[in-house]
PDB file of N, CA and C in Angstrom:
ATOM      1  N   MET A   1      -6.348  20.445 -29.228  1.00  0.00           N
ATOM      2  CA  MET A   1      -7.314  19.871 -29.728  1.00  0.00           C
ATOM      3  C   MET A   1      -6.726  20.465 -31.393  1.00  0.00           C
ATOM      4  N   SER A   2      -7.843  19.523 -32.399  1.00  0.00           N
ATOM      5  CA  SER A   2      -6.970  20.434 -33.796  1.00  0.00           C
ATOM      6  C   SER A   2      -8.143  20.694 -35.042  1.00  0.00           C
ATOM      7  N   LEU A   3      -7.739  20.937 -36.086  1.00  0.00           N
ATOM      8  CA  LEU A   3      -8.878  21.081 -36.786  1.00  0.00           C
ATOM      9  C   LEU A   3      -9.560  20.182 -36.851  1.00  0.00           C
ATOM     10  N   ARG A   4      -9.431  19.289 -37.125  1.00  0.00           N
ATOM     11  CA  ARG A   4     -10.340  17.893 -37.257  1.00  0.00           C
ATOM     12  C   ARG A   4     -11.119  16.977 -36.486  1.00  0.00           C
ATOM     13  N   LEU A   5     -10.121  17.893 -34.685  1.00  0.00           N
ATOM     14  CA  LEU A   5     -11.457  17.657 -34.051  1.00  0.00           C
ATOM     15  C   LEU A   5     -12.440  18.812 -33.800  1.00  0.00           C
ATOM     16  N   LEU A   6     -12.186  19.977 -34.368  1.00  0.00           N
ATOM     17  CA  LEU A   6     -12.820  20.739 -34.641  1.00  0.00           C
ATOM     18  C   LEU A   6     -14.446  20.478 -35.386  1.00  0.00           C
ATOM     19  N   GLN A   7     -14.276  19.771 -36.628  1.00  0.00           N
ATOM     20  CA  GLN A   7     -14.569  19.720 -38.179  1.00  0.00           C
ATOM     21  C   GLN A   7     -15.770  18.375 -37.965  1.00  0.00           C
ATOM     22  N   HIS A   8     -15.426  17.462 -36.834  1.00  0.00           N
ATOM     23  CA  HIS A   8     -16.666  16.321 -36.500  1.00  0.00           C
ATOM     24  C   HIS A   8     -17.107  16.921 -35.122  1.00  0.00           C
ATOM     25  N   GLN A   9     -17.096  18.012 -34.859  1.00  0.00           N
ATOM     26  CA  GLN A   9     -18.122  18.312 -32.673  1.00  0.00           C
ATOM     27  C   GLN A   9     -18.714  19.330 -34.146  1.00  0.00           C
ATOM     28  N   ALA A  10     -18.484  20.205 -35.495  1.00  0.00           N
ATOM     29  CA  ALA A  10     -19.239  21.088 -36.286  1.00  0.00           C
ATOM     30  C   ALA A  10     -19.730  19.996 -36.458  1.00  0.00           C
ATOM     31  N   ASP A  11     -19.553  18.728 -37.264  1.00  0.00           N
ATOM     32  CA  ASP A  11     -20.554  18.216 -37.734  1.00  0.00           C
ATOM     33  C   ASP A  11     -21.720  17.452 -37.333  1.00  0.00           C
ATOM     34  N   ASP A  12     -21.608  17.169 -36.132  1.00  0.00           N
ATOM     35  CA  ASP A  12     -21.936  16.245 -34.768  1.00  0.00           C
ATOM     36  C   ASP A  12     -22.992  17.551 -34.540  1.00  0.00           C
ATOM     37  N   ILE A  13     -22.885  18.745 -34.487  1.00  0.00           N
ATOM     38  CA  ILE A  13     -23.587  19.722 -34.105  1.00  0.00           C
ATOM     39  C   ILE A  13     -24.270  19.731 -35.234  1.00  0.00           C
ATOM     40  N   ALA A  14     -23.928  19.970 -36.263  1.00  0.00           N
ATOM     41  CA  ALA A  14     -25.114  20.648 -37.871  1.00  0.00           C
ATOM     42  C   ALA A  14     -26.360  18.652 -37.149  1.00  0.00           C
ATOM     43  N   GLU A  15     -25.403  18.433 -37.369  1.00  0.00           N
ATOM     44  CA  GLU A  15     -26.298  17.010 -37.198  1.00  0.00           C
ATOM     45  C   GLU A  15     -27.685  16.691 -36.229  1.00  0.00           C
ATOM     46  N   CYS A  16     -27.254  16.994 -35.030  1.00  0.00           N
ATOM     47  CA  CYS A  16     -28.844  17.239 -33.998  1.00  0.00           C
ATOM     48  C   CYS A  16     -29.369  18.153 -34.537  1.00  0.00           C
ATOM     49  N   LEU A  17     -28.310  19.119 -34.778  1.00  0.00           N
ATOM     50  CA  LEU A  17     -29.880  20.965 -34.973  1.00  0.00           C
ATOM     51  C   LEU A  17     -30.797  20.113 -36.040  1.00  0.00           C
ATOM     52  N   LEU A  18     -30.153  19.579 -37.384  1.00  0.00           N
ATOM     53  CA  LEU A  18     -31.257  19.042 -38.106  1.00  0.00           C
ATOM     54  C   LEU A  18     -32.365  17.371 -37.737  1.00  0.00           C
ATOM     55  N   ILE A  19     -32.036  17.311 -36.621  1.00  0.00           N
ATOM     56  CA  ILE A  19     -32.864  16.071 -35.561  1.00  0.00           C
ATOM     57  C   ILE A  19     -32.988  16.365 -35.212  1.00  0.00           C
ATOM     58  N   PHE A  20     -33.175  17.967 -33.803  1.00  0.00           N
ATOM     59  CA  PHE A  20     -34.123  18.368 -33.808  1.00  0.00           C
ATOM     60  C   PHE A  20     -34.772  19.735 -34.043  1.00  0.00           C
ATOM     61  N   GLU A  21     -34.396  20.060 -34.909  1.00  0.00           N
ATOM     62  CA  GLU A  21     -35.481  20.361 -36.477  1.00  0.00           C
ATOM     63  C   GLU A  21     -37.436  19.606 -36.402  1.00  0.00           C
ATOM     64  N   LEU A  22     -36.106  17.852 -37.100  1.00  0.00           N
ATOM     65  CA  LEU A  22     -37.599  17.094 -37.390  1.00  0.00           C
ATOM     66  C   LEU A  22     -38.440  16.379 -36.238  1.00  0.00           C
ATOM     67  N   GLU A  23     -37.956  16.376 -34.525  1.00  0.00           N
ATOM     68  CA  GLU A  23     -38.756  16.487 -33.958  1.00  0.00           C
ATOM     69  C   GLU A  23     -39.233  17.654 -33.531  1.00  0.00           C
ATOM     70  N   MET A  24     -39.343  18.138 -33.549  1.00  0.00           N
ATOM     71  CA  MET A  24     -39.738  19.570 -33.358  1.00  0.00           C
ATOM     72  C   MET A  24     -41.398  19.954 -34.454  1.00  0.00           C
ATOM     73  N   ARG A  25     -41.149  19.636 -35.633  1.00  0.00           N
ATOM     74  CA  ARG A  25     -41.288  18.905 -36.384  1.00  0.00           C
ATOM     75  C   ARG A  25     -42.753  18.485 -36.014  1.00  0.00           C
ATOM     76  N   ARG A  26     -42.088  17.217 -36.059  1.00  0.00           N
ATOM     77  CA  ARG A  26     -42.384  16.013 -36.640  1.00  0.00           C
ATOM     78  C   ARG A  26     -43.392  15.871 -35.873  1.00  0.00           C
ATOM     79  N   SER A  27     -43.458  15.513 -34.056  1.00  0.00           N
ATOM     80  CA  SER A  27     -43.644  14.992 -32.784  1.00  0.00           C
ATOM     81  C   SER A  27     -44.656  15.483 -32.919  1.00  0.00           C
ATOM     82  N   ARG A  28     -45.696  14.169 -31.646  1.00  0.00           N
ATOM     83  CA  ARG A  28     -47.026  14.768 -31.742  1.00  0.00           C
ATOM     84  C   ARG A  28     -47.440  14.961 -30.621  1.00  0.00           C
ATOM     85  N   THR A  29     -46.439  15.110 -29.482  1.00  0.00           N
ATOM     86  CA  THR A  29     -47.044  15.079 -28.401  1.00  0.00           C
ATOM     87  C   THR A  29     -45.805  17.077 -27.943  1.00  0.00           C
ATOM     88  N   LEU A  30     -47.491  18.138 -27.289  1.00  0.00           N
ATOM     89  CA  LEU A  30     -46.496  19.233 -26.879  1.00  0.00           C
ATOM     90  C   LEU A  30     -44.811  18.812 -26.236  1.00  0.00           C
ATOM     91  N   GLU A  31     -45.111  17.151 -25.736  1.00  0.00           N
ATOM     92  CA  GLU A  31     -43.780  17.824 -24.246  1.00  0.00           C
ATOM     93  C   GLU A  31     -42.284  17.404 -25.094  1.00  0.00           C
ATOM     94  N   LYS A  32     -42.960  16.461 -26.267  1.00  0.00           N
ATOM     95  CA  LYS A  32     -41.788  15.856 -27.261  1.00  0.00           C
ATOM     96  C   LYS A  32     -41.440  17.341 -27.714  1.00  0.00           C
ATOM     97  N   ARG A  33     -41.984  17.791 -28.120  1.00  0.00           N
ATOM     98  CA  ARG A  33     -41.700  19.459 -29.420  1.00  0.00           C
ATOM     99  C   ARG A  33     -40.753  20.384 -28.233  1.00  0.00           C
ATOM    100  N   LEU A  34     -41.532  20.551 -26.362  1.00  0.00           N
ATOM    101  CA  LEU A  34     -40.874  21.219 -25.557  1.00  0.00           C
ATOM    102  C   LEU A  34     -39.735  20.712 -25.469  1.00  0.00           C
ATOM    103  N   ALA A  35     -38.855  18.716 -24.965  1.00  0.00           N
ATOM    104  CA  ALA A  35     -37.391  18.889 -25.378  1.00  0.00           C
ATOM    105  C   ALA A  35     -37.216  18.622 -26.783  1.00  0.00           C
ATOM    106  N   ALA A  36     -37.744  18.924 -27.627  1.00  0.00           N
ATOM    107  CA  ALA A  36     -36.782  19.667 -28.923  1.00  0.00           C
ATOM    108  C   ALA A  36     -36.448  20.797 -28.821  1.00  0.00           C
ATOM    109  N   TYR A  37     -37.245  21.253 -28.594  1.00  0.00           N
ATOM    110  CA  TYR A  37     -36.637  23.064 -27.948  1.00  0.00           C
ATOM    111  C   TYR A  37     -35.481  23.268 -27.338  1.00  0.00           C
ATOM    112  N   ALA A  38     -35.604  22.598 -26.274  1.00  0.00           N
ATOM    113  CA  ALA A  38     -34.667  22.485 -25.061  1.00  0.00           C
ATOM    114  C   ALA A  38     -33.577  22.325 -25.583  1.00  0.00           C
ATOM    115  N   ASP A  39     -33.420  21.057 -26.250  1.00  0.00           N
ATOM    116  CA  ASP A  39     -31.746  20.779 -26.714  1.00  0.00           C
ATOM    117  C   ASP A  39     -31.622  21.006 -28.282  1.00  0.00           C
ATOM    118  N   PHE A  40     -32.572  21.914 -28.619  1.00  0.00           N
ATOM    119  CA  PHE A  40     -31.749  22.298 -29.865  1.00  0.00           C
ATOM    120  C   PHE A  40     -31.351  23.680 -29.202  1.00  0.00           C
ATOM    121  N   GLU A  41     -31.399  24.211 -28.559  1.00  0.00           N
ATOM    122  CA  GLU A  41     -31.061  25.825 -27.444  1.00  0.00           C
ATOM    123  C   GLU A  41     -29.329  24.809 -27.029  1.00  0.00           C
ATOM    124  N   ARG A  42     -29.964  23.791 -26.630  1.00  0.00           N
ATOM    125  CA  ARG A  42     -28.753  23.601 -26.041  1.00  0.00           C
ATOM    126  C   ARG A  42     -27.836  23.657 -27.088  1.00  0.00           C
ATOM    127  N   ALA A  43     -27.667  22.431 -28.179  1.00  0.00           N
ATOM    128  CA  ALA A  43     -27.270  22.787 -29.146  1.00  0.00           C
ATOM    129  C   ALA A  43     -27.021  24.038 -29.537  1.00  0.00           C
ATOM    130  N   VAL A  44     -27.604  25.558 -29.671  1.00  0.00           N
ATOM    131  CA  VAL A  44     -26.738  26.685 -30.059  1.00  0.00           C
ATOM    132  C   VAL A  44     -25.599  27.378 -29.087  1.00  0.00           C
ATOM    133  N   GLY A  45     -25.977  26.940 -27.602  1.00  0.00           N
ATOM    134  CA  GLY A  45     -24.674  26.498 -26.102  1.00  0.00           C
ATOM    135  C   GLY A  45     -23.181  25.686 -26.949  1.00  0.00           C
ATOM    136  N   ARG A  46     -23.363  24.774 -27.457  1.00  0.00           N
ATOM    137  CA  ARG A  46     -22.804  24.121 -27.754  1.00  0.00           C
ATOM    138  C   ARG A  46     -22.116  25.007 -29.017  1.00  0.00           C
ATOM    139  N   ILE A  47     -23.088  25.248 -30.514  1.00  0.00           N
ATOM    140  CA  ILE A  47     -21.833  26.015 -31.497  1.00  0.00           C
ATOM    141  C   ILE A  47     -21.029  27.246 -30.625  1.00  0.00           C
ATOM    142  N   ASP A  48     -21.860  27.700 -29.802  1.00  0.00           N
ATOM    143  CA  ASP A  48     -20.680  29.672 -29.131  1.00  0.00           C
ATOM    144  C   ASP A  48     -19.984  28.273 -27.806  1.00  0.00           C
ATOM    145  N   VAL A  49     -19.291  27.284 -28.237  1.00  0.00           N
ATOM    146  CA  VAL A  49     -18.661  26.913 -27.452  1.00  0.00           C
ATOM    147  C   VAL A  49     -17.549  26.342 -27.993  1.00  0.00           C
ATOM    148  N   LEU A  50     -17.591  26.010 -28.747  1.00  0.00           N
ATOM    149  CA  LEU A  50     -16.852  25.152 -29.929  1.00  0.00           C
ATOM    150  C   LEU A  50     -16.670  26.230 -30.785  1.00  0.00           C
ATOM    151  N   ARG A  51     -17.078  27.724 -31.184  1.00  0.00           N
ATOM    152  CA  ARG A  51     -16.573  29.524 -31.808  1.00  0.00           C
ATOM    153  C   ARG A  51     -15.473  29.586 -30.593  1.00  0.00           C
ATOM    154  N   ARG A  52     -15.517  29.388 -28.979  1.00  0.00           N
ATOM    155  CA  ARG A  52     -14.661  29.985 -28.759  1.00  0.00           C
ATOM    156  C   ARG A  52     -13.268  29.241 -28.744  1.00  0.00           C
ATOM    157  N   ASP A  53     -13.582  28.145 -29.191  1.00  0.00           N
ATOM    158  CA  ASP A  53     -13.088  27.404 -28.876  1.00  0.00           C
ATOM    159  C   ASP A  53     -11.707  26.958 -30.598  1.00  0.00           C
ATOM    160  N   ALA A  54     -12.335  27.480 -31.108  1.00  0.00           N
ATOM    161  CA  ALA A  54     -12.178  27.710 -32.898  1.00  0.00           C
ATOM    162  C   ALA A  54     -11.205  29.072 -32.797  1.00  0.00           C
ATOM    163  N   GLU A  55     -11.999  29.795 -31.423  1.00  0.00           N
ATOM    164  CA  GLU A  55     -10.518  31.634 -31.433  1.00  0.00           C
ATOM    165  C   GLU A  55      -9.196  30.707 -30.823  1.00  0.00           C
ATOM    166  N   GLU A  56      -9.280  30.372 -30.018  1.00  0.00           N
ATOM    167  CA  GLU A  56      -8.365  30.138 -29.764  1.00  0.00           C
ATOM    168  C   GLU A  56      -7.283  29.422 -30.032  1.00  0.00           C
ATOM    169  N   LEU A  57      -7.814  28.007 -31.348  1.00  0.00           N
ATOM    170  CA  LEU A  57      -7.125  27.645 -32.070  1.00  0.00           C
ATOM    171  C   LEU A  57      -6.351  27.742 -33.005  1.00  0.00           C
ATOM    172  N   LEU A  58      -7.157  28.812 -33.503  1.00  0.00           N
ATOM    173  CA  LEU A  58      -7.275  29.295 -34.971  1.00  0.00           C
ATOM    174  C   LEU A  58      -7.254  30.179 -35.947  1.00  0.00           C
ATOM    175  N   PRO A  59      -7.058  30.950 -35.147  1.00  0.00           N
ATOM    176  CA  PRO A  59      -6.963  32.627 -34.859  1.00  0.00           C
ATOM    177  C   PRO A  59      -7.518  33.613 -36.457  1.00  0.00           C
ATOM    178  N   ASN A  60      -6.704  32.675 -37.369  1.00  0.00           N
ATOM    179  CA  ASN A  60      -6.760  33.440 -38.827  1.00  0.00           C
ATOM    180  C   ASN A  60      -7.126  32.471 -40.025  1.00  0.00           C
ATOM    181  N   ALA A  61      -8.068  31.900 -39.444  1.00  0.00           N
ATOM    182  CA  ALA A  61      -8.597  30.107 -41.105  1.00  0.00           C
ATOM    183  C   ALA A  61      -9.586  30.341 -41.482  1.00  0.00           C
ATOM    184  N   ARG A  62      -9.275  30.216 -42.698  1.00  0.00           N
ATOM    185  CA  ARG A  62     -10.810  30.563 -43.563  1.00  0.00           C
ATOM    186  C   ARG A  62     -11.094  29.550 -43.304  1.00  0.00           C
ATOM    187  N   GLU A  63     -10.926  28.260 -42.579  1.00  0.00           N
ATOM    188  CA  GLU A  63     -11.887  26.440 -42.507  1.00  0.00           C
ATOM    189  C   GLU A  63     -13.200  26.739 -41.368  1.00  0.00           C
ATOM    190  N   LYS A  64     -12.538  27.836 -41.334  1.00  0.00           N
ATOM    191  CA  LYS A  64     -13.151  27.962 -38.854  1.00  0.00           C
ATOM    192  C   LYS A  64     -14.741  29.028 -39.974  1.00  0.00           C
ATOM    193  N   ASP A  65     -14.069  30.334 -41.167  1.00  0.00           N
ATOM    194  CA  ASP A  65     -15.387  31.112 -41.213  1.00  0.00           C
ATOM    195  C   ASP A  65     -16.256  29.892 -41.995  1.00  0.00           C
ATOM    196  N   ALA A  66     -16.147  29.471 -42.672  1.00  0.00           N
ATOM    197  CA  ALA A  66     -16.835  28.499 -43.711  1.00  0.00           C
ATOM    198  C   ALA A  66     -17.126  27.777 -42.778  1.00  0.00           C
ATOM    199  N   MET A  67     -16.641  26.524 -41.954  1.00  0.00           N
ATOM    200  CA  MET A  67     -17.416  26.246 -40.714  1.00  0.00           C
ATOM    201  C   MET A  67     -18.352  26.639 -39.720  1.00  0.00           C
ATOM    202  N   PHE A  68     -18.149  28.065 -39.422  1.00  0.00           N
ATOM    203  CA  PHE A  68     -19.536  28.549 -39.085  1.00  0.00           C
ATOM    204  C   PHE A  68     -20.352  29.563 -39.876  1.00  0.00           C
ATOM    205  N   ASP A  69     -20.073  29.611 -40.701  1.00  0.00           N
ATOM    206  CA  ASP A  69     -21.155  30.228 -41.475  1.00  0.00           C
ATOM    207  C   ASP A  69     -22.528  29.239 -41.786  1.00  0.00           C
ATOM    208  N   SER A  70     -21.692  27.545 -41.731  1.00  0.00           N
ATOM    209  CA  SER A  70     -22.803  26.815 -42.257  1.00  0.00           C
ATOM    210  C   SER A  70     -23.519  26.664 -41.349  1.00  0.00           C
ATOM    211  N   LEU A  71     -23.439  26.385 -39.493  1.00  0.00           N
ATOM    212  CA  LEU A  71     -23.263  26.042 -38.551  1.00  0.00           C
ATOM    213  C   LEU A  71     -24.874  26.957 -38.309  1.00  0.00           C
ATOM    214  N   ASP A  72     -24.345  28.184 -38.480  1.00  0.00           N
ATOM    215  CA  ASP A  72     -25.104  29.881 -38.173  1.00  0.00           C
ATOM    216  C   ASP A  72     -26.176  29.989 -39.174  1.00  0.00           C
ATOM    217  N   ASN A  73     -26.461  29.331 -40.075  1.00  0.00           N
ATOM    218  CA  ASN A  73     -26.921  29.149 -41.116  1.00  0.00           C
ATOM    219  C   ASN A  73     -28.369  28.850 -40.950  1.00  0.00           C
ATOM    220  N   LYS A  74     -28.268  27.055 -40.319  1.00  0.00           N
ATOM    221  CA  LYS A  74     -28.996  26.195 -40.197  1.00  0.00           C
ATOM    222  C   LYS A  74     -29.251  26.727 -38.815  1.00  0.00           C
ATOM    223  N   ALA A  75     -29.224  26.883 -38.203  1.00  0.00           N
ATOM    224  CA  ALA A  75     -29.503  27.648 -36.750  1.00  0.00           C
ATOM    225  C   ALA A  75     -30.649  28.767 -37.093  1.00  0.00           C
ATOM    226  N   ILE A  76     -30.438  29.594 -37.660  1.00  0.00           N
ATOM    227  CA  ILE A  76     -30.931  30.620 -38.179  1.00  0.00           C
ATOM    228  C   ILE A  76     -31.786  30.090 -38.921  1.00  0.00           C
ATOM    229  N   SER A  77     -31.749  29.370 -39.672  1.00  0.00           N
ATOM    230  CA  SER A  77     -32.891  28.783 -40.709  1.00  0.00           C
ATOM    231  C   SER A  77     -34.208  28.286 -39.220  1.00  0.00           C
ATOM    232  N   VAL A  78     -33.158  27.429 -38.395  1.00  0.00           N
ATOM    233  CA  VAL A  78     -34.842  26.323 -38.494  1.00  0.00           C
ATOM    234  C   VAL A  78     -35.595  27.227 -36.939  1.00  0.00           C
ATOM    235  N   MET A  79     -34.559  28.728 -36.826  1.00  0.00           N
ATOM    236  CA  MET A  79     -35.204  29.387 -35.692  1.00  0.00           C
ATOM    237  C   MET A  79     -36.203  30.188 -36.295  1.00  0.00           C
ATOM    238  N   ARG A  80     -36.247  30.281 -38.205  1.00  0.00           N
ATOM    239  CA  ARG A  80     -37.302  31.235 -37.966  1.00  0.00           C
ATOM    240  C   ARG A  80     -38.673  29.345 -38.804  1.00  0.00           C
ATOM    241  N   SER A  81     -38.147  28.949 -38.707  1.00  0.00           N
ATOM    242  CA  SER A  81     -39.311  28.286 -38.810  1.00  0.00           C
ATOM    243  C   SER A  81     -40.628  28.009 -37.842  1.00  0.00           C
ATOM    244  N   ALA A  82     -41.898  27.840 -38.088  1.00  0.00           N
ATOM    245  CA  ALA A  82     -43.085  27.683 -37.945  1.00  0.00           C
ATOM    246  C   ALA A  82     -42.990  26.819 -36.150  1.00  0.00           C
ATOM    247  N   ALA A  83     -42.753  25.609 -36.238  1.00  0.00           N
ATOM    248  CA  ALA A  83     -42.074  24.804 -35.200  1.00  0.00           C
ATOM    249  C   ALA A  83     -41.569  25.640 -34.641  1.00  0.00           C
ATOM    250  N   TYR A  84     -39.958  26.081 -34.906  1.00  0.00           N
ATOM    251  CA  TYR A  84     -39.826  26.788 -33.782  1.00  0.00           C
ATOM    252  C   TYR A  84     -40.480  28.320 -32.537  1.00  0.00           C
ATOM    253  N   ARG A  85     -40.991  29.029 -33.873  1.00  0.00           N
ATOM    254  CA  ARG A  85     -42.098  29.659 -32.943  1.00  0.00           C
ATOM    255  C   ARG A  85     -43.072  29.126 -32.413  1.00  0.00           C
ATOM    256  N   VAL A  86     -43.624  27.996 -32.559  1.00  0.00           N
ATOM    257  CA  VAL A  86     -44.637  28.140 -32.191  1.00  0.00           C
ATOM    258  C   VAL A  86     -44.096  26.993 -30.770  1.00  0.00           C
ATOM    259  N   ALA A  87     -43.240  26.425 -30.385  1.00  0.00           N
ATOM    260  CA  ALA A  87     -42.589  25.710 -29.221  1.00  0.00           C
ATOM    261  C   ALA A  87     -41.988  26.575 -28.826  1.00  0.00           C
ATOM    262  N   GLU A  88     -40.964  27.674 -29.417  1.00  0.00           N
ATOM    263  CA  GLU A  88     -40.323  29.176 -28.243  1.00  0.00           C
ATOM    264  C   GLU A  88     -41.625  29.596 -27.190  1.00  0.00           C
ATOM    265  N   TRP A  89     -42.533  29.849 -28.469  1.00  0.00           N
ATOM    266  CA  TRP A  89     -44.237  30.164 -27.476  1.00  0.00           C
ATOM    267  C   TRP A  89     -44.731  30.295 -26.430  1.00  0.00           C
ATOM    268  N   PHE A  90     -44.637  28.886 -26.641  1.00  0.00           N
ATOM    269  CA  PHE A  90     -45.430  27.664 -25.500  1.00  0.00           C
ATOM    270  C   PHE A  90     -44.093  27.587 -24.333  1.00  0.00           C
ATOM    271  N   ALA A  91     -42.354  27.381 -24.406  1.00  0.00           N
ATOM    272  CA  ALA A  91     -41.650  27.266 -23.493  1.00  0.00           C
ATOM    273  C   ALA A  91     -42.104  28.481 -22.703  1.00  0.00           C
ATOM    274  N   THR A  92     -41.579  29.818 -23.107  1.00  0.00           N
ATOM    275  CA  THR A  92     -40.882  31.091 -23.250  1.00  0.00           C
ATOM    276  C   THR A  92     -43.384  31.726 -22.276  1.00  0.00           C
ATOM    277  N   ALA A  93     -44.244  31.482 -22.916  1.00  0.00           N
ATOM    278  CA  ALA A  93     -45.156  31.764 -22.620  1.00  0.00           C
ATOM    279  C   ALA A  93     -45.522  31.314 -20.478  1.00  0.00           C
ATOM    280  N   ASP A  94     -45.958  32.675 -20.655  1.00  0.00           N
ATOM    281  CA  ASP A  94     -46.682  32.907 -18.849  1.00  0.00           C
ATOM    282  C   ASP A  94     -48.207  32.369 -18.843  1.00  0.00           C
ATOM    283  N   LEU A  95     -48.464  30.797 -19.427  1.00  0.00           N
ATOM    284  CA  LEU A  95     -49.246  29.720 -19.143  1.00  0.00           C
ATOM    285  C   LEU A  95     -50.516  29.469 -17.785  1.00  0.00           C
ATOM    286  N   GLY A  96     -50.478  29.944 -17.273  1.00  0.00           N
ATOM    287  CA  GLY A  96     -50.843  30.364 -16.061  1.00  0.00           C
ATOM    288  C   GLY A  96     -52.659  30.563 -15.691  1.00  0.00           C
ATOM    289  N   TRP A  97     -53.000  32.139 -15.847  1.00  0.00           N
ATOM    290  CA  TRP A  97     -54.116  32.400 -16.507  1.00  0.00           C
ATOM    291  C   TRP A  97     -54.491  31.162 -17.728  1.00  0.00           C
ATOM    292  N   PHE A  98     -54.123  30.760 -17.869  1.00  0.00           N
ATOM    293  CA  PHE A  98     -55.353  29.651 -19.398  1.00  0.00           C
ATOM    294  C   PHE A  98     -55.834  28.727 -18.325  1.00  0.00           C
ATOM    295  N   VAL A  99     -55.104  28.212 -17.355  1.00  0.00           N
ATOM    296  CA  VAL A  99     -55.442  26.976 -16.333  1.00  0.00           C
ATOM    297  C   VAL A  99     -56.350  27.031 -15.554  1.00  0.00           C
ATOM    298  N   GLY A 100     -55.934  28.247 -14.473  1.00  0.00           N
ATOM    299  CA  GLY A 100     -57.266  28.405 -14.081  1.00  0.00           C
ATOM    300  C   GLY A 100     -56.682  28.269 -12.563  1.00  0.00           C
ATOM    301  N   PRO A 101     -56.887  28.970 -11.276  1.00  0.00           N
ATOM    302  CA  PRO A 101     -57.146  28.497 -10.147  1.00  0.00           C
ATOM    303  C   PRO A 101     -57.461  27.191  -9.183  1.00  0.00           C
ATOM    304  N   VAL A 102     -56.492  26.161  -8.937  1.00  0.00           N
ATOM    305  CA  VAL A 102     -56.622  25.033  -8.151  1.00  0.00           C
ATOM    306  C   VAL A 102     -57.246  25.384  -7.012  1.00  0.00           C
ATOM    307  N   THR A 103     -58.672  23.908  -6.685  1.00  0.00           N
ATOM    308  CA  THR A 103     -58.997  24.708  -5.388  1.00  0.00           C
ATOM    309  C   THR A 103     -57.974  24.069  -4.263  1.00  0.00           C
ATOM    310  N   ILE A 104     -58.970  24.677  -2.284  1.00  0.00           N
ATOM    311  CA  ILE A 104     -58.514  24.409  -1.905  1.00  0.00           C
ATOM    312  C   ILE A 104     -59.076  23.054  -1.542  1.00  0.00           C
ATOM    313  N   GLU A 105     -60.174  22.081  -1.989  1.00  0.00           N
ATOM    314  CA  GLU A 105     -61.005  21.742  -1.031  1.00  0.00           C
ATOM    315  C   GLU A 105     -60.298  20.202  -1.149  1.00  0.00           C
ATOM    316  N   PRO A 106     -60.794  19.429  -0.779  1.00  0.00           N
ATOM    317  CA  PRO A 106     -60.526  18.549  -1.236  1.00  0.00           C
ATOM    318  C   PRO A 106     -61.084  17.468  -1.789  1.00  0.00           C
ATOM    319  N   LEU A 107     -62.813  17.909  -1.236  1.00  0.00           N
ATOM    320  CA  LEU A 107     -64.131  17.182  -1.885  1.00  0.00           C
ATOM    321  C   LEU A 107     -64.309  17.913  -3.381  1.00  0.00           C
ATOM    322  N   ARG A 108     -64.042  18.625  -3.580  1.00  0.00           N
ATOM    323  CA  ARG A 108     -64.349  19.370  -4.742  1.00  0.00           C
ATOM    324  C   ARG A 108     -63.233  18.766  -5.335  1.00  0.00           C
ATOM    325  N   GLN A 109     -61.584  18.746  -6.169  1.00  0.00           N
ATOM    326  CA  GLN A 109     -61.148  17.769  -6.481  1.00  0.00           C
ATOM    327  C   GLN A 109     -61.548  16.277  -6.843  1.00  0.00           C
ATOM    328  N   VAL A 110     -62.105  15.822  -5.908  1.00  0.00           N
ATOM    329  CA  VAL A 110     -62.795  14.072  -5.853  1.00  0.00           C
ATOM    330  C   VAL A 110     -63.473  14.489  -7.459  1.00  0.00           C
ATOM    331  N   ARG A 111     -63.567  13.561  -8.542  1.00  0.00           N
ATOM    332  CA  ARG A 111     -64.390  13.533  -9.255  1.00  0.00           C
ATOM    333  C   ARG A 111     -65.087  12.243  -9.152  1.00  0.00           C
ATOM    334  N   PRO A 112     -66.950  12.237  -9.700  1.00  0.00           N
ATOM    335  CA  PRO A 112     -67.551  11.219  -9.370  1.00  0.00           C
ATOM    336  C   PRO A 112     -66.810  10.600 -11.172  1.00  0.00           C
ATOM    337  N   CYS A 113     -67.050   8.852 -10.509  1.00  0.00           N
ATOM    338  CA  CYS A 113     -67.097   8.265 -11.553  1.00  0.00           C
ATOM    339  C   CYS A 113     -68.278   8.308 -12.884  1.00  0.00           C
TER     340      CYS A 113
END
């Protein structure tokens, strides 16, 4: 793996972070916002994998530090946004109390027309 390939992967991850941030802000449904949140979390995981690869390839390179500083700053800015915090709350909250218990009787589940 070369420095050029690492830089290409870092650019790809940075673009994904921007896209997922926009999806979390502008999606009209909660389902799409939660999907963007999950995709963002996977992109952060990709940053960690890329960091391990860079450590093996370039133990003392300044380009590596600059590359990861920009990725880390973008990820942190997204995590501080209101859209991310709301999506995180919905993804991690236990909302079973809000929905309520489902009845066992099948006739109660049928709704009149």
